[in-house]
Amino acid sequence: MKLLIYSLISFLIFNSSLIMAFIAGKVIFKKENINLSSNYSIFLSVLLIFYFLSILAFNLFSFNTKYFGYGILILPFLFMPFVIGRISKYERINFYANMQIITLIWSFLAGVLIMLGIS
């Protein structure tokens, strides 16, 4: 049970970090600073990996418990950022960035509701 809660807390932490990183990227991203943009891309990739791993950990730890339904609820958010990133076009980058932010906010709210249901 503790591992389930810890994995959900890590999911919420990485999710909120991703939301802040996407919003910060929209606000302060400068195309002329190549070093800043490459560091931002690396940071975002690392956060997405931890986001992915935290969802997998939550599903793994909820597999044999009565909270298995919560794992199924959060499972669609596992690949959503990657699917949106894959279908995005450079011409509509702002639209797809907004879709990423909205998806992350939805998954954060789902995580909060799951946390309320578990505790």
PDB file of N, CA and C in Angstrom:
ATOM      1  N   MET A   1       0.828  -1.199   0.000  1.00  0.00           N
ATOM      2  CA  MET A   1       0.000   0.000   0.000  1.00  0.00           C
ATOM      3  C   MET A   1       0.868   1.256   0.000  1.00  0.00           C
ATOM      4  N   LYS A   2       1.970   1.213   0.781  1.00  0.00           N
ATOM      5  CA  LYS A   2       2.853   2.377   0.819  1.00  0.00           C
ATOM      6  C   LYS A   2       3.465   2.644  -0.547  1.00  0.00           C
ATOM      7  N   LEU A   3       3.886   1.569  -1.234  1.00  0.00           N
ATOM      8  CA  LEU A   3       4.485   1.751  -2.552  1.00  0.00           C
ATOM      9  C   LEU A   3       3.478   2.326  -3.538  1.00  0.00           C
ATOM     10  N   LEU A   4       2.234   1.939  -3.411  1.00  0.00           N
ATOM     11  CA  LEU A   4       1.184   2.478  -4.269  1.00  0.00           C
ATOM     12  C   LEU A   4       1.036   3.982  -4.052  1.00  0.00           C
ATOM     13  N   ILE A   5       1.019   4.394  -2.805  1.00  0.00           N
ATOM     14  CA  ILE A   5       0.889   5.823  -2.496  1.00  0.00           C
ATOM     15  C   ILE A   5       2.135   6.582  -2.930  1.00  0.00           C
ATOM     16  N   TYR A   6       3.322   6.011  -2.697  1.00  0.00           N
ATOM     17  CA  TYR A   6       4.560   6.675  -3.109  1.00  0.00           C
ATOM     18  C   TYR A   6       4.638   6.816  -4.626  1.00  0.00           C
ATOM     19  N   SER A   7       4.204   5.796  -5.350  1.00  0.00           N
ATOM     20  CA  SER A   7       4.225   5.896  -6.807  1.00  0.00           C
ATOM     21  C   SER A   7       3.237   6.946  -7.296  1.00  0.00           C
ATOM     22  N   LEU A   8       2.096   7.063  -6.626  1.00  0.00           N
ATOM     23  CA  LEU A   8       1.126   8.090  -7.009  1.00  0.00           C
ATOM     24  C   LEU A   8       1.648   9.485  -6.681  1.00  0.00           C
ATOM     25  N   ILE A   9       2.322   9.632  -5.554  1.00  0.00           N
ATOM     26  CA  ILE A   9       2.917  10.928  -5.203  1.00  0.00           C
ATOM     27  C   ILE A   9       3.996  11.300  -6.213  1.00  0.00           C
ATOM     28  N   SER A  10       4.829  10.337  -6.613  1.00  0.00           N
ATOM     29  CA  SER A  10       5.854  10.640  -7.614  1.00  0.00           C
ATOM     30  C   SER A  10       5.214  11.000  -8.948  1.00  0.00           C
ATOM     31  N   PHE A  11       4.117  10.343  -9.301  1.00  0.00           N
ATOM     32  CA  PHE A  11       3.394  10.697 -10.521  1.00  0.00           C
ATOM     33  C   PHE A  11       2.909  12.145 -10.456  1.00  0.00           C
ATOM     34  N   LEU A  12       2.333  12.536  -9.326  1.00  0.00           N
ATOM     35  CA  LEU A  12       1.832  13.907  -9.187  1.00  0.00           C
ATOM     36  C   LEU A  12       2.971  14.918  -9.229  1.00  0.00           C
ATOM     37  N   ILE A  13       4.107  14.589  -8.640  1.00  0.00           N
ATOM     38  CA  ILE A  13       5.255  15.502  -8.655  1.00  0.00           C
ATOM     39  C   ILE A  13       5.783  15.675 -10.074  1.00  0.00           C
ATOM     40  N   PHE A  14       6.003  14.575 -10.791  1.00  0.00           N
ATOM     41  CA  PHE A  14       6.519  14.678 -12.154  1.00  0.00           C
ATOM     42  C   PHE A  14       5.496  15.295 -13.095  1.00  0.00           C
ATOM     43  N   ASN A  15       4.230  15.041 -12.860  1.00  0.00           N
ATOM     44  CA  ASN A  15       3.178  15.633 -13.676  1.00  0.00           C
ATOM     45  C   ASN A  15       3.147  17.145 -13.498  1.00  0.00           C
ATOM     46  N   SER A  16       3.174  17.609 -12.252  1.00  0.00           N
ATOM     47  CA  SER A  16       3.160  19.060 -12.027  1.00  0.00           C
ATOM     48  C   SER A  16       4.441  19.698 -12.552  1.00  0.00           C
ATOM     49  N   SER A  17       5.572  18.992 -12.472  1.00  0.00           N
ATOM     50  CA  SER A  17       6.819  19.518 -13.034  1.00  0.00           C
ATOM     51  C   SER A  17       6.718  19.650 -14.548  1.00  0.00           C
ATOM     52  N   LEU A  18       6.101  18.673 -15.195  1.00  0.00           N
ATOM     53  CA  LEU A  18       5.912  18.757 -16.645  1.00  0.00           C
ATOM     54  C   LEU A  18       4.988  19.899 -17.034  1.00  0.00           C
ATOM     55  N   ILE A  19       3.924  20.087 -16.278  1.00  0.00           N
ATOM     56  CA  ILE A  19       3.011  21.200 -16.567  1.00  0.00           C
ATOM     57  C   ILE A  19       3.761  22.520 -16.475  1.00  0.00           C
ATOM     58  N   MET A  20       4.533  22.693 -15.397  1.00  0.00           N
ATOM     59  CA  MET A  20       5.297  23.939 -15.241  1.00  0.00           C
ATOM     60  C   MET A  20       6.351  24.088 -16.329  1.00  0.00           C
ATOM     61  N   ALA A  21       6.992  22.979 -16.738  1.00  0.00           N
ATOM     62  CA  ALA A  21       8.016  23.047 -17.779  1.00  0.00           C
ATOM     63  C   ALA A  21       7.411  23.422 -19.127  1.00  0.00           C
ATOM     64  N   PHE A  22       6.257  22.863 -19.461  1.00  0.00           N
ATOM     65  CA  PHE A  22       5.612  23.224 -20.724  1.00  0.00           C
ATOM     66  C   PHE A  22       5.169  24.682 -20.720  1.00  0.00           C
ATOM     67  N   ILE A  23       4.601  25.132 -19.616  1.00  0.00           N
ATOM     68  CA  ILE A  23       4.170  26.535 -19.537  1.00  0.00           C
ATOM     69  C   ILE A  23       5.372  27.462 -19.576  1.00  0.00           C
ATOM     70  N   ALA A  24       6.430  27.126 -18.854  1.00  0.00           N
ATOM     71  CA  ALA A  24       7.641  27.951 -18.872  1.00  0.00           C
ATOM     72  C   ALA A  24       8.253  27.967 -20.267  1.00  0.00           C
ATOM     73  N   GLY A  25       8.208  26.836 -20.950  1.00  0.00           N
ATOM     74  CA  GLY A  25       8.727  26.782 -22.312  1.00  0.00           C
ATOM     75  C   GLY A  25       7.949  27.667 -23.264  1.00  0.00           C
ATOM     76  N   LYS A  26       6.634  27.748 -23.078  1.00  0.00           N
ATOM     77  CA  LYS A  26       5.822  28.627 -23.923  1.00  0.00           C
ATOM     78  C   LYS A  26       6.087  30.097 -23.614  1.00  0.00           C
ATOM     79  N   VAL A  27       6.390  30.399 -22.356  1.00  0.00           N
ATOM     80  CA  VAL A  27       6.560  31.796 -21.954  1.00  0.00           C
ATOM     81  C   VAL A  27       7.956  32.313 -22.267  1.00  0.00           C
ATOM     82  N   ILE A  28       9.010  31.542 -21.942  1.00  0.00           N
ATOM     83  CA  ILE A  28      10.371  32.085 -22.044  1.00  0.00           C
ATOM     84  C   ILE A  28      11.207  31.456 -23.143  1.00  0.00           C
ATOM     85  N   PHE A  29      10.636  30.602 -23.947  1.00  0.00           N
ATOM     86  CA  PHE A  29      11.419  29.928 -24.976  1.00  0.00           C
ATOM     87  C   PHE A  29      11.827  30.912 -26.062  1.00  0.00           C
ATOM     88  N   LYS A  30      13.121  30.963 -26.321  1.00  0.00           N
ATOM     89  CA  LYS A  30      13.666  31.835 -27.363  1.00  0.00           C
ATOM     90  C   LYS A  30      14.327  30.966 -28.430  1.00  0.00           C
ATOM     91  N   LYS A  31      13.924  31.150 -29.672  1.00  0.00           N
ATOM     92  CA  LYS A  31      14.451  30.317 -30.750  1.00  0.00           C
ATOM     93  C   LYS A  31      15.909  30.638 -31.070  1.00  0.00           C
ATOM     94  N   GLU A  32      16.355  31.853 -30.782  1.00  0.00           N
ATOM     95  CA  GLU A  32      17.711  32.224 -31.159  1.00  0.00           C
ATOM     96  C   GLU A  32      18.767  31.704 -30.189  1.00  0.00           C
ATOM     97  N   ASN A  33      18.367  31.215 -29.026  1.00  0.00           N
ATOM     98  CA  ASN A  33      19.319  30.676 -28.063  1.00  0.00           C
ATOM     99  C   ASN A  33      19.330  29.150 -28.179  1.00  0.00           C
ATOM    100  N   ILE A  34      20.259  28.628 -28.981  1.00  0.00           N
ATOM    101  CA  ILE A  34      20.319  27.197 -29.264  1.00  0.00           C
ATOM    102  C   ILE A  34      20.664  26.399 -28.010  1.00  0.00           C
ATOM    103  N   ASN A  35      21.584  26.898 -27.196  1.00  0.00           N
ATOM    104  CA  ASN A  35      21.991  26.180 -25.988  1.00  0.00           C
ATOM    105  C   ASN A  35      20.822  26.035 -25.017  1.00  0.00           C
ATOM    106  N   LEU A  36      20.060  27.104 -24.838  1.00  0.00           N
ATOM    107  CA  LEU A  36      18.908  27.053 -23.939  1.00  0.00           C
ATOM    108  C   LEU A  36      17.853  26.079 -24.455  1.00  0.00           C
ATOM    109  N   SER A  37      17.599  26.102 -25.749  1.00  0.00           N
ATOM    110  CA  SER A  37      16.568  25.216 -26.294  1.00  0.00           C
ATOM    111  C   SER A  37      16.992  23.750 -26.231  1.00  0.00           C
ATOM    112  N   SER A  38      18.272  23.460 -26.430  1.00  0.00           N
ATOM    113  CA  SER A  38      18.710  22.061 -26.334  1.00  0.00           C
ATOM    114  C   SER A  38      18.673  21.577 -24.890  1.00  0.00           C
ATOM    115  N   ASN A  39      19.056  22.417 -23.941  1.00  0.00           N
ATOM    116  CA  ASN A  39      18.969  22.039 -22.528  1.00  0.00           C
ATOM    117  C   ASN A  39      17.515  21.852 -22.101  1.00  0.00           C
ATOM    118  N   TYR A  40      16.633  22.691 -22.600  1.00  0.00           N
ATOM    119  CA  TYR A  40      15.204  22.568 -22.306  1.00  0.00           C
ATOM    120  C   TYR A  40      14.654  21.250 -22.850  1.00  0.00           C
ATOM    121  N   SER A  41      15.055  20.882 -24.052  1.00  0.00           N
ATOM    122  CA  SER A  41      14.591  19.622 -24.648  1.00  0.00           C
ATOM    123  C   SER A  41      15.070  18.420 -23.848  1.00  0.00           C
ATOM    124  N   ILE A  42      16.309  18.464 -23.386  1.00  0.00           N
ATOM    125  CA  ILE A  42      16.832  17.368 -22.565  1.00  0.00           C
ATOM    126  C   ILE A  42      16.070  17.285 -21.252  1.00  0.00           C
ATOM    127  N   PHE A  43      15.849  18.428 -20.616  1.00  0.00           N
ATOM    128  CA  PHE A  43      15.118  18.468 -19.349  1.00  0.00           C
ATOM    129  C   PHE A  43      13.705  17.918 -19.524  1.00  0.00           C
ATOM    130  N   LEU A  44      13.042  18.314 -20.596  1.00  0.00           N
ATOM    131  CA  LEU A  44      11.690  17.837 -20.872  1.00  0.00           C
ATOM    132  C   LEU A  44      11.680  16.331 -21.138  1.00  0.00           C
ATOM    133  N   SER A  45      12.671  15.833 -21.842  1.00  0.00           N
ATOM    134  CA  SER A  45      12.756  14.396 -22.110  1.00  0.00           C
ATOM    135  C   SER A  45      12.945  13.598 -20.829  1.00  0.00           C
ATOM    136  N   VAL A  46      13.794  14.079 -19.939  1.00  0.00           N
ATOM    137  CA  VAL A  46      14.014  13.388 -18.664  1.00  0.00           C
ATOM    138  C   VAL A  46      12.733  13.397 -17.830  1.00  0.00           C
ATOM    139  N   LEU A  47      12.043  14.532 -17.794  1.00  0.00           N
ATOM    140  CA  LEU A  47      10.779  14.589 -17.057  1.00  0.00           C
ATOM    141  C   LEU A  47       9.742  13.638 -17.641  1.00  0.00           C
ATOM    142  N   LEU A  48       9.678  13.551 -18.967  1.00  0.00           N
ATOM    143  CA  LEU A  48       8.725  12.634 -19.600  1.00  0.00           C
ATOM    144  C   LEU A  48       9.054  11.176 -19.289  1.00  0.00           C
ATOM    145  N   ILE A  49      10.332  10.846 -19.204  1.00  0.00           N
ATOM    146  CA  ILE A  49      10.714   9.478 -18.843  1.00  0.00           C
ATOM    147  C   ILE A  49      10.260   9.164 -17.424  1.00  0.00           C
ATOM    148  N   PHE A  50      10.487  10.089 -16.488  1.00  0.00           N
ATOM    149  CA  PHE A  50      10.058   9.851 -15.108  1.00  0.00           C
ATOM    150  C   PHE A  50       8.529   9.826 -14.991  1.00  0.00           C
ATOM    151  N   TYR A  51       7.844  10.635 -15.782  1.00  0.00           N
ATOM    152  CA  TYR A  51       6.381  10.607 -15.835  1.00  0.00           C
ATOM    153  C   TYR A  51       5.908   9.223 -16.283  1.00  0.00           C
ATOM    154  N   PHE A  52       6.505   8.728 -17.343  1.00  0.00           N
ATOM    155  CA  PHE A  52       6.196   7.408 -17.886  1.00  0.00           C
ATOM    156  C   PHE A  52       6.450   6.319 -16.842  1.00  0.00           C
ATOM    157  N   LEU A  53       7.616   6.370 -16.185  1.00  0.00           N
ATOM    158  CA  LEU A  53       7.967   5.355 -15.185  1.00  0.00           C
ATOM    159  C   LEU A  53       7.064   5.415 -13.956  1.00  0.00           C
ATOM    160  N   SER A  54       6.646   6.622 -13.566  1.00  0.00           N
ATOM    161  CA  SER A  54       5.778   6.723 -12.387  1.00  0.00           C
ATOM    162  C   SER A  54       4.390   6.146 -12.671  1.00  0.00           C
ATOM    163  N   ILE A  55       3.886   6.312 -13.893  1.00  0.00           N
ATOM    164  CA  ILE A  55       2.602   5.689 -14.250  1.00  0.00           C
ATOM    165  C   ILE A  55       2.748   4.170 -14.290  1.00  0.00           C
ATOM    166  N   LEU A  56       3.856   3.689 -14.850  1.00  0.00           N
ATOM    167  CA  LEU A  56       4.085   2.243 -14.863  1.00  0.00           C
ATOM    168  C   LEU A  56       4.194   1.685 -13.450  1.00  0.00           C
ATOM    169  N   ALA A  57       4.889   2.401 -12.567  1.00  0.00           N
ATOM    170  CA  ALA A  57       5.028   1.944 -11.177  1.00  0.00           C
ATOM    171  C   ALA A  57       3.671   1.909 -10.486  1.00  0.00           C
ATOM    172  N   PHE A  58       2.859   2.930 -10.707  1.00  0.00           N
ATOM    173  CA  PHE A  58       1.535   2.948 -10.088  1.00  0.00           C
ATOM    174  C   PHE A  58       0.698   1.766 -10.562  1.00  0.00           C
ATOM    175  N   ASN A  59       0.739   1.484 -11.859  1.00  0.00           N
ATOM    176  CA  ASN A  59      -0.023   0.345 -12.385  1.00  0.00           C
ATOM    177  C   ASN A  59       0.519  -0.978 -11.863  1.00  0.00           C
ATOM    178  N   LEU A  60       1.822  -1.082 -11.724  1.00  0.00           N
ATOM    179  CA  LEU A  60       2.418  -2.304 -11.197  1.00  0.00           C
ATOM    180  C   LEU A  60       2.017  -2.533  -9.744  1.00  0.00           C
ATOM    181  N   PHE A  61       2.074  -1.482  -8.930  1.00  0.00           N
ATOM    182  CA  PHE A  61       1.767  -1.631  -7.511  1.00  0.00           C
ATOM    183  C   PHE A  61       0.262  -1.744  -7.245  1.00  0.00           C
ATOM    184  N   SER A  62      -0.565  -1.320  -8.180  1.00  0.00           N
ATOM    185  CA  SER A  62      -2.012  -1.443  -7.983  1.00  0.00           C
ATOM    186  C   SER A  62      -2.576  -2.717  -8.608  1.00  0.00           C
ATOM    187  N   PHE A  63      -1.722  -3.513  -9.236  1.00  0.00           N
ATOM    188  CA  PHE A  63      -2.200  -4.665 -10.007  1.00  0.00           C
ATOM    189  C   PHE A  63      -2.955  -5.678  -9.155  1.00  0.00           C
ATOM    190  N   ASN A  64      -2.449  -6.052  -8.018  1.00  0.00           N
ATOM    191  CA  ASN A  64      -3.080  -7.087  -7.200  1.00  0.00           C
ATOM    192  C   ASN A  64      -3.825  -6.512  -6.008  1.00  0.00           C
ATOM    193  N   THR A  65      -4.282  -5.301  -6.098  1.00  0.00           N
ATOM    194  CA  THR A  65      -4.991  -4.684  -4.984  1.00  0.00           C
ATOM    195  C   THR A  65      -6.407  -4.333  -5.414  1.00  0.00           C
ATOM    196  N   LYS A  66      -7.163  -3.834  -4.461  1.00  0.00           N
ATOM    197  CA  LYS A  66      -8.527  -3.407  -4.790  1.00  0.00           C
ATOM    198  C   LYS A  66      -8.540  -2.096  -5.567  1.00  0.00           C
ATOM    199  N   TYR A  67      -7.358  -1.470  -5.738  1.00  0.00           N
ATOM    200  CA  TYR A  67      -7.254  -0.206  -6.462  1.00  0.00           C
ATOM    201  C   TYR A  67      -6.846  -0.409  -7.915  1.00  0.00           C
ATOM    202  N   PHE A  68      -7.019  -1.607  -8.433  1.00  0.00           N
ATOM    203  CA  PHE A  68      -6.631  -1.907  -9.809  1.00  0.00           C
ATOM    204  C   PHE A  68      -7.381  -1.032 -10.815  1.00  0.00           C
ATOM    205  N   GLY A  69      -8.627  -0.707 -10.520  1.00  0.00           N
ATOM    206  CA  GLY A  69      -9.414   0.160 -11.400  1.00  0.00           C
ATOM    207  C   GLY A  69      -8.804   1.540 -11.553  1.00  0.00           C
ATOM    208  N   TYR A  70      -8.162   2.031 -10.491  1.00  0.00           N
ATOM    209  CA  TYR A  70      -7.483   3.323 -10.578  1.00  0.00           C
ATOM    210  C   TYR A  70      -6.299   3.249 -11.544  1.00  0.00           C
ATOM    211  N   GLY A  71      -5.619   2.116 -11.539  1.00  0.00           N
ATOM    212  CA  GLY A  71      -4.520   1.933 -12.482  1.00  0.00           C
ATOM    213  C   GLY A  71      -4.998   1.940 -13.922  1.00  0.00           C
ATOM    214  N   ILE A  72      -6.160   1.327 -14.150  1.00  0.00           N
ATOM    215  CA  ILE A  72      -6.748   1.331 -15.493  1.00  0.00           C
ATOM    216  C   ILE A  72      -7.164   2.748 -15.886  1.00  0.00           C
ATOM    217  N   LEU A  73      -7.672   3.515 -14.919  1.00  0.00           N
ATOM    218  CA  LEU A  73      -8.097   4.888 -15.192  1.00  0.00           C
ATOM    219  C   LEU A  73      -6.932   5.771 -15.633  1.00  0.00           C
ATOM    220  N   ILE A  74      -5.775   5.564 -15.038  1.00  0.00           N
ATOM    221  CA  ILE A  74      -4.635   6.429 -15.328  1.00  0.00           C
ATOM    222  C   ILE A  74      -3.806   5.919 -16.509  1.00  0.00           C
ATOM    223  N   LEU A  75      -4.055   4.687 -16.945  1.00  0.00           N
ATOM    224  CA  LEU A  75      -3.286   4.079 -18.027  1.00  0.00           C
ATOM    225  C   LEU A  75      -3.341   4.844 -19.357  1.00  0.00           C
ATOM    226  N   PRO A  76      -4.473   5.410 -19.780  1.00  0.00           N
ATOM    227  CA  PRO A  76      -4.462   6.154 -21.049  1.00  0.00           C
ATOM    228  C   PRO A  76      -3.506   7.348 -21.060  1.00  0.00           C
ATOM    229  N   PHE A  77      -3.218   7.893 -19.892  1.00  0.00           N
ATOM    230  CA  PHE A  77      -2.301   9.028 -19.838  1.00  0.00           C
ATOM    231  C   PHE A  77      -0.846   8.606 -20.013  1.00  0.00           C
ATOM    232  N   LEU A  78      -0.599   7.306 -20.053  1.00  0.00           N
ATOM    233  CA  LEU A  78       0.756   6.796 -20.198  1.00  0.00           C
ATOM    234  C   LEU A  78       1.367   7.219 -21.531  1.00  0.00           C
ATOM    235  N   PHE A  79       0.599   7.095 -22.604  1.00  0.00           N
ATOM    236  CA  PHE A  79       1.143   7.371 -23.928  1.00  0.00           C
ATOM    237  C   PHE A  79       0.636   8.664 -24.551  1.00  0.00           C
ATOM    238  N   MET A  80      -0.279   9.364 -23.893  1.00  0.00           N
ATOM    239  CA  MET A  80      -0.850  10.577 -24.489  1.00  0.00           C
ATOM    240  C   MET A  80       0.200  11.627 -24.865  1.00  0.00           C
ATOM    241  N   PRO A  81       1.160  11.970 -23.999  1.00  0.00           N
ATOM    242  CA  PRO A  81       2.142  12.975 -24.425  1.00  0.00           C
ATOM    243  C   PRO A  81       2.952  12.526 -25.637  1.00  0.00           C
ATOM    244  N   PHE A  82       3.231  11.237 -25.731  1.00  0.00           N
ATOM    245  CA  PHE A  82       4.022  10.729 -26.851  1.00  0.00           C
ATOM    246  C   PHE A  82       3.204  10.696 -28.136  1.00  0.00           C
ATOM    247  N   VAL A  83       1.925  10.363 -28.031  1.00  0.00           N
ATOM    248  CA  VAL A  83       1.052  10.351 -29.207  1.00  0.00           C
ATOM    249  C   VAL A  83       0.866  11.773 -29.732  1.00  0.00           C
ATOM    250  N   ILE A  84       0.611  12.706 -28.831  1.00  0.00           N
ATOM    251  CA  ILE A  84       0.435  14.098 -29.254  1.00  0.00           C
ATOM    252  C   ILE A  84       1.720  14.627 -29.877  1.00  0.00           C
ATOM    253  N   GLY A  85       2.854  14.296 -29.280  1.00  0.00           N
ATOM    254  CA  GLY A  85       4.136  14.725 -29.843  1.00  0.00           C
ATOM    255  C   GLY A  85       4.403  14.117 -31.206  1.00  0.00           C
ATOM    256  N   ARG A  86       3.928  12.898 -31.411  1.00  0.00           N
ATOM    257  CA  ARG A  86       4.155  12.221 -32.685  1.00  0.00           C
ATOM    258  C   ARG A  86       3.298  12.805 -33.813  1.00  0.00           C
ATOM    259  N   ILE A  87       2.066  13.214 -33.516  1.00  0.00           N
ATOM    260  CA  ILE A  87       1.184  13.719 -34.576  1.00  0.00           C
ATOM    261  C   ILE A  87       1.330  15.218 -34.799  1.00  0.00           C
ATOM    262  N   SER A  88       2.122  15.886 -33.978  1.00  0.00           N
ATOM    263  CA  SER A  88       2.209  17.346 -34.086  1.00  0.00           C
ATOM    264  C   SER A  88       2.975  17.764 -35.338  1.00  0.00           C
ATOM    265  N   LYS A  89       2.619  18.908 -35.829  1.00  0.00           N
ATOM    266  CA  LYS A  89       3.267  19.518 -36.983  1.00  0.00           C
ATOM    267  C   LYS A  89       3.908  20.828 -36.536  1.00  0.00           C
ATOM    268  N   TYR A  90       5.020  21.169 -37.160  1.00  0.00           N
ATOM    269  CA  TYR A  90       5.746  22.369 -36.757  1.00  0.00           C
ATOM    270  C   TYR A  90       4.913  23.631 -36.974  1.00  0.00           C
ATOM    271  N   GLU A  91       4.060  23.636 -37.992  1.00  0.00           N
ATOM    272  CA  GLU A  91       3.253  24.825 -38.295  1.00  0.00           C
ATOM    273  C   GLU A  91       2.249  25.122 -37.187  1.00  0.00           C
ATOM    274  N   ARG A  92       1.807  24.098 -36.470  1.00  0.00           N
ATOM    275  CA  ARG A  92       0.796  24.282 -35.421  1.00  0.00           C
ATOM    276  C   ARG A  92       1.358  23.904 -34.054  1.00  0.00           C
ATOM    277  N   ILE A  93       2.599  24.271 -33.803  1.00  0.00           N
ATOM    278  CA  ILE A  93       3.287  23.854 -32.587  1.00  0.00           C
ATOM    279  C   ILE A  93       2.610  24.406 -31.333  1.00  0.00           C
ATOM    280  N   ASN A  94       2.071  25.615 -31.402  1.00  0.00           N
ATOM    281  CA  ASN A  94       1.399  26.178 -30.226  1.00  0.00           C
ATOM    282  C   ASN A  94       0.130  25.401 -29.880  1.00  0.00           C
ATOM    283  N   PHE A  95      -0.610  24.989 -30.887  1.00  0.00           N
ATOM    284  CA  PHE A  95      -1.822  24.204 -30.655  1.00  0.00           C
ATOM    285  C   PHE A  95      -1.490  22.886 -29.966  1.00  0.00           C
ATOM    286  N   TYR A  96      -0.474  22.199 -30.467  1.00  0.00           N
ATOM    287  CA  TYR A  96      -0.116  20.907 -29.880  1.00  0.00           C
ATOM    288  C   TYR A  96       0.522  21.064 -28.503  1.00  0.00           C
ATOM    289  N   ALA A  97       1.244  22.144 -28.273  1.00  0.00           N
ATOM    290  CA  ALA A  97       1.784  22.401 -26.928  1.00  0.00           C
ATOM    291  C   ALA A  97       0.641  22.637 -25.946  1.00  0.00           C
ATOM    292  N   ASN A  98      -0.383  23.351 -26.387  1.00  0.00           N
ATOM    293  CA  ASN A  98      -1.556  23.549 -25.525  1.00  0.00           C
ATOM    294  C   ASN A  98      -2.276  22.225 -25.261  1.00  0.00           C
ATOM    295  N   MET A  99      -2.338  21.353 -26.264  1.00  0.00           N
ATOM    296  CA  MET A  99      -2.936  20.031 -26.056  1.00  0.00           C
ATOM    297  C   MET A  99      -2.143  19.226 -25.029  1.00  0.00           C
ATOM    298  N   GLN A 100      -0.809  19.332 -25.081  1.00  0.00           N
ATOM    299  CA  GLN A 100       0.031  18.640 -24.093  1.00  0.00           C
ATOM    300  C   GLN A 100      -0.276  19.139 -22.690  1.00  0.00           C
ATOM    301  N   ILE A 101      -0.372  20.446 -22.540  1.00  0.00           N
ATOM    302  CA  ILE A 101      -0.638  21.034 -21.224  1.00  0.00           C
ATOM    303  C   ILE A 101      -2.005  20.593 -20.709  1.00  0.00           C
ATOM    304  N   ILE A 102      -3.015  20.625 -21.571  1.00  0.00           N
ATOM    305  CA  ILE A 102      -4.363  20.215 -21.154  1.00  0.00           C
ATOM    306  C   ILE A 102      -4.381  18.733 -20.762  1.00  0.00           C
ATOM    307  N   THR A 103      -3.706  17.885 -21.532  1.00  0.00           N
ATOM    308  CA  THR A 103      -3.637  16.461 -21.195  1.00  0.00           C
ATOM    309  C   THR A 103      -2.943  16.245 -19.861  1.00  0.00           C
ATOM    310  N   LEU A 104      -1.869  16.976 -19.617  1.00  0.00           N
ATOM    311  CA  LEU A 104      -1.161  16.838 -18.341  1.00  0.00           C
ATOM    312  C   LEU A 104      -2.009  17.336 -17.177  1.00  0.00           C
ATOM    313  N   ILE A 105      -2.773  18.396 -17.396  1.00  0.00           N
ATOM    314  CA  ILE A 105      -3.660  18.886 -16.332  1.00  0.00           C
ATOM    315  C   ILE A 105      -4.747  17.851 -16.039  1.00  0.00           C
ATOM    316  N   TRP A 106      -5.305  17.235 -17.086  1.00  0.00           N
ATOM    317  CA  TRP A 106      -6.312  16.180 -16.879  1.00  0.00           C
ATOM    318  C   TRP A 106      -5.726  15.018 -16.087  1.00  0.00           C
ATOM    319  N   SER A 107      -4.520  14.600 -16.453  1.00  0.00           N
ATOM    320  CA  SER A 107      -3.920  13.471 -15.739  1.00  0.00           C
ATOM    321  C   SER A 107      -3.570  13.853 -14.306  1.00  0.00           C
ATOM    322  N   PHE A 108      -3.197  15.115 -14.076  1.00  0.00           N
ATOM    323  CA  PHE A 108      -2.934  15.566 -12.706  1.00  0.00           C
ATOM    324  C   PHE A 108      -4.218  15.523 -11.880  1.00  0.00           C
ATOM    325  N   LEU A 109      -5.314  16.007 -12.466  1.00  0.00           N
ATOM    326  CA  LEU A 109      -6.596  15.964 -11.754  1.00  0.00           C
ATOM    327  C   LEU A 109      -7.036  14.524 -11.495  1.00  0.00           C
ATOM    328  N   ALA A 110      -6.810  13.635 -12.453  1.00  0.00           N
ATOM    329  CA  ALA A 110      -7.129  12.220 -12.239  1.00  0.00           C
ATOM    330  C   ALA A 110      -6.283  11.652 -11.107  1.00  0.00           C
ATOM    331  N   GLY A 111      -5.008  12.031 -11.054  1.00  0.00           N
ATOM    332  CA  GLY A 111      -4.144  11.570  -9.969  1.00  0.00           C
ATOM    333  C   GLY A 111      -4.587  12.078  -8.615  1.00  0.00           C
ATOM    334  N   VAL A 112      -5.027  13.335  -8.561  1.00  0.00           N
ATOM    335  CA  VAL A 112      -5.522  13.893  -7.295  1.00  0.00           C
ATOM    336  C   VAL A 112      -6.791  13.166  -6.862  1.00  0.00           C
ATOM    337  N   LEU A 113      -7.698  12.909  -7.803  1.00  0.00           N
ATOM    338  CA  LEU A 113      -8.921  12.179  -7.465  1.00  0.00           C
ATOM    339  C   LEU A 113      -8.616  10.755  -7.004  1.00  0.00           C
ATOM    340  N   ILE A 114      -7.634  10.125  -7.621  1.00  0.00           N
ATOM    341  CA  ILE A 114      -7.233   8.788  -7.185  1.00  0.00           C
ATOM    342  C   ILE A 114      -6.641   8.843  -5.786  1.00  0.00           C
ATOM    343  N   MET A 115      -5.825   9.856  -5.523  1.00  0.00           N
ATOM    344  CA  MET A 115      -5.237  10.001  -4.187  1.00  0.00           C
ATOM    345  C   MET A 115      -6.327  10.177  -3.136  1.00  0.00           C
ATOM    346  N   LEU A 116      -7.351  10.949  -3.468  1.00  0.00           N
ATOM    347  CA  LEU A 116      -8.464  11.119  -2.531  1.00  0.00           C
ATOM    348  C   LEU A 116      -9.229   9.814  -2.338  1.00  0.00           C
ATOM    349  N   GLY A 117      -9.327   9.006  -3.388  1.00  0.00           N
ATOM    350  CA  GLY A 117     -10.017   7.729  -3.280  1.00  0.00           C
ATOM    351  C   GLY A 117      -9.236   6.694  -2.495  1.00  0.00           C
ATOM    352  N   ILE A 118      -7.921   6.753  -2.563  1.00  0.00           N
ATOM    353  CA  ILE A 118      -7.085   5.786  -1.843  1.00  0.00           C
ATOM    354  C   ILE A 118      -7.006   6.117  -0.367  1.00  0.00           C
ATOM    355  N   SER A 119      -6.860   7.402  -0.062  1.00  0.00           N
ATOM    356  CA  SER A 119      -6.658   7.766   1.353  1.00  0.00           C
ATOM    357  C   SER A 119      -7.941   7.964   2.104  1.00  0.00           C
TER     358      SER A 119
END
